[in-house]
Amino acid sequence: MVIRLAERTGTDVGDVPLTAVAAEAGISRSTLLRRLGGSRQALDDAVRKAGVDPGGRQPVRTRGVEAAALLISERGLAAVTLEAVADKARCSVHSLYVTFGGRDGLLAATYEAYSPISDIGLLTARGGRSFEQTVLDIYRLLFAALDREPRVAPGMLADLISRPTGPAGRIFQRYFPPALDSIGAWLMEQMRAGRIRPLPLPLLVQQLMGPVMMHLLLRPAFAEGLEAHLDDAEATCAVFAEAFVRAVAATEEPAHSAVLRAGDDSGTDDRRV
């Protein structure tokens, strides 16, 4: 029965959801699970005994997220339909619904998998680094996440800017407030310590993130024909970090600005971007 279902839907036996198997058998999913002993392992074993490989691919969640990420990077957020993801992930649309609950759930899972925000929150929560070094490390994380393939975050940001109430906007409303709490707590600590000037927190976060994110959104376009004018990742992060520290510092000359120069002692003002 499960083999017939797999053939009918064009998926591996291992990707046929138990809800579909139960419906085909005319019983509930809980009854099916009880008969299988609590998991689908017995079903897969029976399929193997029948001479059919149930499929050894990654779970639908993993394949769905990877397929959605590739579609966002290649064609933009609008191209991420459940049908397109199912085709790329080689699974059924029903499996995606069961796994993610719908398109918004799939996009949220993809954002979580590729967003650097949680890593930045962990970084700012740890002690032992100077303010200047932490800023530089934040930019390194942003650069690593936004400049790599598949380019998920830039695709999400582009949709957020063009349609604030769209799918990316809903994800933003869900994930940004906790991120603001984490990063904001660290920035407030820097204010209380007198390292940076008292500034409105949302604007301070935008000043921290905005310039480097705009650079990373435009960097692929600059790379076409203007690659000779682009610094490498480390030098670019150092420039942005030093600019932010100087812009918000409570004193005119940041105490550890040398850390941000990444070993550049040339003294030249002819910096590339």
Protein backbone atom coordinates (compact mmCIF):
# COMPACT_ATOMS: atom_id res chain seq x y z
CA MET A 1 0.00 0.00 0.00
CA VAL A 2 2.69 2.51 0.98
CA ILE A 3 4.64 1.52 -2.14
CA ARG A 4 1.59 2.31 -4.30
CA LEU A 5 1.24 5.68 -2.56
CA ALA A 6 4.90 6.48 -3.24
CA GLU A 7 4.50 5.60 -6.92
CA ARG A 8 1.33 7.66 -7.17
CA THR A 9 2.91 10.79 -5.62
CA GLY A 10 6.33 10.36 -7.23
CA THR A 11 8.18 10.35 -3.92
CA ASP A 12 10.33 7.91 -1.98
CA VAL A 13 8.50 5.53 0.34
CA GLY A 14 10.28 7.18 3.25
CA ASP A 15 8.74 10.53 2.27
CA VAL A 16 5.14 9.31 2.26
CA PRO A 17 3.62 10.79 5.44
CA LEU A 18 1.99 8.44 7.90
CA THR A 19 -1.19 10.52 7.67
CA ALA A 20 -1.45 9.57 3.99
CA VAL A 21 -0.76 5.90 4.76
CA ALA A 22 -3.42 5.93 7.48
CA ALA A 23 -5.96 7.58 5.18
CA GLU A 24 -5.28 4.99 2.49
CA ALA A 25 -5.82 2.22 5.06
CA GLY A 26 -8.99 3.85 6.37
CA ILE A 27 -7.68 4.24 9.91
CA SER A 28 -6.42 7.11 12.05
CA ARG A 29 -2.76 8.05 12.26
CA SER A 30 -2.68 7.17 15.96
CA THR A 31 -4.09 3.71 15.21
CA LEU A 32 -1.47 3.20 12.50
CA LEU A 33 1.32 4.26 14.84
CA ARG A 34 0.04 1.90 17.50
CA ARG A 35 0.06 -0.99 15.04
CA LEU A 36 3.60 -0.05 13.95
CA GLY A 37 4.86 -0.01 17.53
CA GLY A 38 5.15 3.75 17.88
CA SER A 39 7.32 4.67 14.87
CA ARG A 40 7.52 4.10 11.13
CA GLN A 41 10.64 1.95 11.45
CA ALA A 42 8.57 -1.25 11.23
CA LEU A 43 6.93 0.05 8.05
CA ASP A 44 10.28 0.86 6.45
CA ASP A 45 11.61 -2.58 7.45
CA ALA A 46 8.61 -4.25 5.80
CA VAL A 47 9.20 -2.24 2.63
CA ARG A 48 12.84 -3.36 2.55
CA LYS A 49 11.75 -6.99 2.93
CA ALA A 50 9.55 -6.45 -0.12
CA GLY A 51 12.69 -5.50 -2.05
CA VAL A 52 12.09 -1.74 -2.14
CA ASP A 53 14.46 0.87 -0.75
CA PRO A 54 12.37 3.33 1.32
CA GLY A 55 14.92 6.04 0.58
CA GLY A 56 17.95 7.12 2.52
CA ARG A 57 17.80 10.82 1.85
CA GLN A 58 17.77 13.58 4.42
CA PRO A 59 14.49 14.40 6.21
CA VAL A 60 11.89 16.54 4.46
CA ARG A 61 12.63 19.44 6.84
CA THR A 62 16.29 19.54 5.82
CA ARG A 63 15.60 19.18 2.11
CA GLY A 64 12.75 21.68 2.22
CA VAL A 65 14.86 24.36 3.91
CA GLU A 66 17.78 23.80 1.53
CA ALA A 67 15.49 23.93 -1.51
CA ALA A 68 13.78 27.10 -0.29
CA ALA A 69 17.16 28.72 0.35
CA LEU A 70 18.35 27.95 -3.18
CA LEU A 71 15.14 29.31 -4.70
CA ILE A 72 15.39 32.54 -2.67
CA SER A 73 19.00 32.98 -3.77
CA GLU A 74 18.38 32.16 -7.43
CA ARG A 75 14.97 33.71 -8.09
CA GLY A 76 13.83 35.73 -5.07
CA LEU A 77 11.25 35.17 -2.38
CA ALA A 78 8.27 35.29 -4.74
CA ALA A 79 9.51 32.10 -6.42
CA VAL A 80 9.28 30.12 -3.19
CA THR A 81 5.97 28.34 -3.66
CA LEU A 82 5.37 25.01 -1.96
CA GLU A 83 5.09 23.42 -5.39
CA ALA A 84 8.49 24.78 -6.47
CA VAL A 85 10.11 23.72 -3.20
CA ALA A 86 8.57 20.24 -3.41
CA ASP A 87 9.89 19.85 -6.94
CA LYS A 88 13.41 20.95 -5.97
CA ALA A 89 13.44 18.95 -2.73
CA ARG A 90 11.92 15.89 -4.44
CA CYS A 91 9.12 15.51 -1.93
CA SER A 92 5.37 16.02 -1.94
CA VAL A 93 3.59 19.29 -1.21
CA HIS A 94 1.66 17.39 1.45
CA SER A 95 4.93 16.47 3.18
CA LEU A 96 5.87 20.15 3.29
CA TYR A 97 2.51 21.04 4.81
CA VAL A 98 2.89 18.33 7.44
CA THR A 99 6.45 19.41 8.24
CA PHE A 100 6.16 23.21 8.16
CA GLY A 101 2.44 23.95 8.40
CA GLY A 102 2.50 26.05 5.23
CA ARG A 103 4.62 28.53 3.29
CA ASP A 104 5.16 30.96 6.17
CA GLY A 105 6.42 28.14 8.38
CA LEU A 106 8.82 27.02 5.65
CA LEU A 107 10.15 30.56 5.17
CA ALA A 108 10.55 31.02 8.93
CA ALA A 109 12.53 27.76 9.19
CA THR A 110 14.72 28.86 6.27
CA TYR A 111 15.35 32.25 7.87
CA GLU A 112 16.29 30.59 11.17
CA ALA A 113 18.71 28.26 9.41
CA TYR A 114 20.55 31.00 7.51
CA SER A 115 20.16 34.13 9.65
CA PRO A 116 23.13 35.36 11.71
CA ILE A 117 20.90 37.07 14.30
CA SER A 118 20.97 34.26 16.87
CA ASP A 119 24.77 34.00 16.54
CA ILE A 120 25.07 37.75 17.09
CA GLY A 121 22.90 37.45 20.19
CA LEU A 122 25.18 34.75 21.57
CA LEU A 123 28.24 36.86 20.76
CA THR A 124 26.96 39.96 22.55
CA ALA A 125 25.90 37.87 25.56
CA ARG A 126 29.45 36.61 26.07
CA GLY A 127 31.94 38.69 27.98
CA GLY A 128 35.68 38.99 27.68
CA ARG A 129 35.83 41.17 24.56
CA SER A 130 36.28 44.90 24.25
CA PHE A 131 33.49 46.97 22.71
CA GLU A 132 35.59 47.55 19.59
CA GLN A 133 36.44 43.88 19.16
CA THR A 134 32.80 42.85 19.61
CA VAL A 135 31.69 45.28 16.90
CA LEU A 136 34.31 43.85 14.56
CA ASP A 137 33.18 40.28 15.34
CA ILE A 138 29.54 41.24 14.68
CA TYR A 139 30.50 42.48 11.23
CA ARG A 140 32.47 39.30 10.56
CA LEU A 141 29.36 37.26 11.39
CA LEU A 142 27.14 39.45 9.20
CA PHE A 143 29.60 39.27 6.33
CA ALA A 144 29.95 35.48 6.57
CA ALA A 145 26.17 34.99 6.64
CA LEU A 146 25.07 37.53 4.03
CA ASP A 147 27.85 37.14 1.49
CA ARG A 148 27.76 33.34 1.16
CA GLU A 149 25.66 31.19 -1.14
CA PRO A 150 22.79 30.62 -0.99
CA ARG A 151 22.10 34.32 -0.36
CA VAL A 152 19.00 33.93 1.81
CA ALA A 153 19.22 37.02 4.03
CA PRO A 154 19.61 39.49 1.12
CA GLY A 155 16.57 37.92 -0.55
CA MET A 156 14.56 38.27 2.65
CA LEU A 157 15.68 41.87 3.12
CA ALA A 158 14.77 42.78 -0.44
CA ASP A 159 11.25 41.42 0.09
CA LEU A 160 10.97 43.18 3.46
CA ILE A 161 11.89 46.53 1.93
CA SER A 162 9.53 46.17 -1.03
CA ARG A 163 6.63 44.63 0.94
CA PRO A 164 6.79 45.38 4.68
CA THR A 165 3.55 43.45 5.29
CA GLY A 166 4.58 40.44 3.17
CA PRO A 167 6.07 37.11 4.28
CA ALA A 168 9.47 38.60 5.13
CA GLY A 169 7.71 41.33 7.11
CA ARG A 170 5.87 38.73 9.18
CA ILE A 171 9.13 36.90 9.86
CA PHE A 172 10.75 40.22 10.80
CA GLN A 173 7.98 40.96 13.31
CA ARG A 174 8.47 37.52 14.83
CA TYR A 175 12.26 37.42 15.11
CA PHE A 176 13.49 41.01 15.30
CA PRO A 177 12.09 41.98 18.75
CA PRO A 178 13.99 39.18 20.57
CA ALA A 179 17.11 40.08 18.58
CA LEU A 180 16.68 43.74 19.54
CA ASP A 181 16.40 42.70 23.20
CA SER A 182 19.67 40.76 23.00
CA ILE A 183 21.72 43.26 21.00
CA GLY A 184 20.00 46.18 22.72
CA ALA A 185 20.94 44.90 26.17
CA TRP A 186 24.59 44.82 25.10
CA LEU A 187 24.41 48.34 23.64
CA MET A 188 22.70 49.66 26.79
CA GLU A 189 25.52 48.13 28.82
CA GLN A 190 28.04 50.05 26.68
CA MET A 191 26.09 53.27 27.29
CA ARG A 192 26.04 52.73 31.06
CA ALA A 193 29.78 52.05 31.00
CA GLY A 194 30.33 55.36 29.20
CA ARG A 195 31.83 53.78 26.09
CA ILE A 196 29.19 55.14 23.71
CA ARG A 197 26.96 58.19 23.73
CA PRO A 198 23.32 57.86 24.87
CA LEU A 199 21.32 57.40 21.66
CA PRO A 200 17.84 56.02 20.88
CA LEU A 201 18.23 52.26 20.87
CA PRO A 202 16.41 51.46 17.58
CA LEU A 203 18.49 54.07 15.75
CA LEU A 204 21.66 52.75 17.36
CA VAL A 205 20.88 49.20 16.19
CA GLN A 206 20.19 50.52 12.68
CA GLN A 207 23.48 52.42 12.74
CA LEU A 208 25.24 49.20 13.76
CA MET A 209 23.60 46.95 11.16
CA GLY A 210 22.45 49.22 8.34
CA PRO A 211 25.64 50.30 6.56
CA VAL A 212 27.27 46.87 6.35
CA MET A 213 24.00 45.21 5.34
CA MET A 214 23.51 47.74 2.54
CA HIS A 215 27.07 47.10 1.40
CA LEU A 216 26.47 43.35 1.35
CA LEU A 217 23.21 43.75 -0.59
CA LEU A 218 25.03 45.76 -3.26
CA ARG A 219 28.37 43.94 -3.19
CA PRO A 220 27.45 41.37 -5.90
CA ALA A 221 26.52 44.23 -8.23
CA PHE A 222 29.81 46.02 -7.50
CA ALA A 223 31.69 42.78 -8.11
CA GLU A 224 30.59 42.89 -11.75
CA GLY A 225 33.22 45.15 -13.31
CA LEU A 226 34.31 46.89 -10.10
CA GLU A 227 35.93 43.96 -8.31
CA ALA A 228 39.33 45.66 -8.29
CA HIS A 229 37.86 48.37 -6.04
CA LEU A 230 36.48 45.96 -3.42
CA ASP A 231 38.47 45.11 -0.31
CA ASP A 232 38.40 41.57 1.01
CA ALA A 233 36.00 40.59 3.79
CA GLU A 234 38.36 41.22 6.70
CA ALA A 235 39.44 44.67 5.54
CA THR A 236 35.84 45.66 4.75
CA CYS A 237 34.65 44.59 8.20
CA ALA A 238 37.46 46.59 9.81
CA VAL A 239 36.48 49.75 7.91
CA PHE A 240 32.81 49.48 8.88
CA ALA A 241 33.63 48.60 12.50
CA GLU A 242 35.96 51.57 12.92
CA ALA A 243 33.39 53.89 11.32
CA PHE A 244 30.67 52.73 13.74
CA VAL A 245 32.88 52.98 16.81
CA ARG A 246 33.98 56.50 15.88
CA ALA A 247 30.40 57.55 15.16
CA VAL A 248 28.99 56.51 18.55
CA ALA A 249 32.02 56.74 20.85
CA ALA A 250 31.66 58.84 23.98
CA THR A 251 35.21 60.12 23.46
CA GLU A 252 36.63 61.63 20.31
CA GLU A 253 39.28 58.91 19.89
CA PRO A 254 38.20 55.31 20.65
CA ALA A 255 40.59 53.64 23.06
CA HIS A 256 41.26 50.55 20.98
CA SER A 257 40.73 51.73 17.42
CA ALA A 258 43.96 50.02 16.41
CA VAL A 259 42.22 46.67 16.87
CA LEU A 260 39.85 47.59 14.06
CA ARG A 261 42.54 48.43 11.54
CA ALA A 262 43.28 44.71 11.13
CA GLY A 263 47.01 45.27 11.07
CA ASP A 264 46.92 48.01 8.39
CA ASP A 265 49.83 50.32 9.24
CA SER A 266 50.20 51.81 5.79
CA GLY A 267 48.79 55.16 6.86
CA THR A 268 47.19 55.69 3.46
CA ASP A 269 43.81 57.39 3.15
CA ASP A 270 43.14 55.73 -0.21
CA ARG A 271 40.81 53.09 1.24
CA ARG A 272 38.65 50.92 -0.95
CA VAL A 273 35.12 49.91 0.05
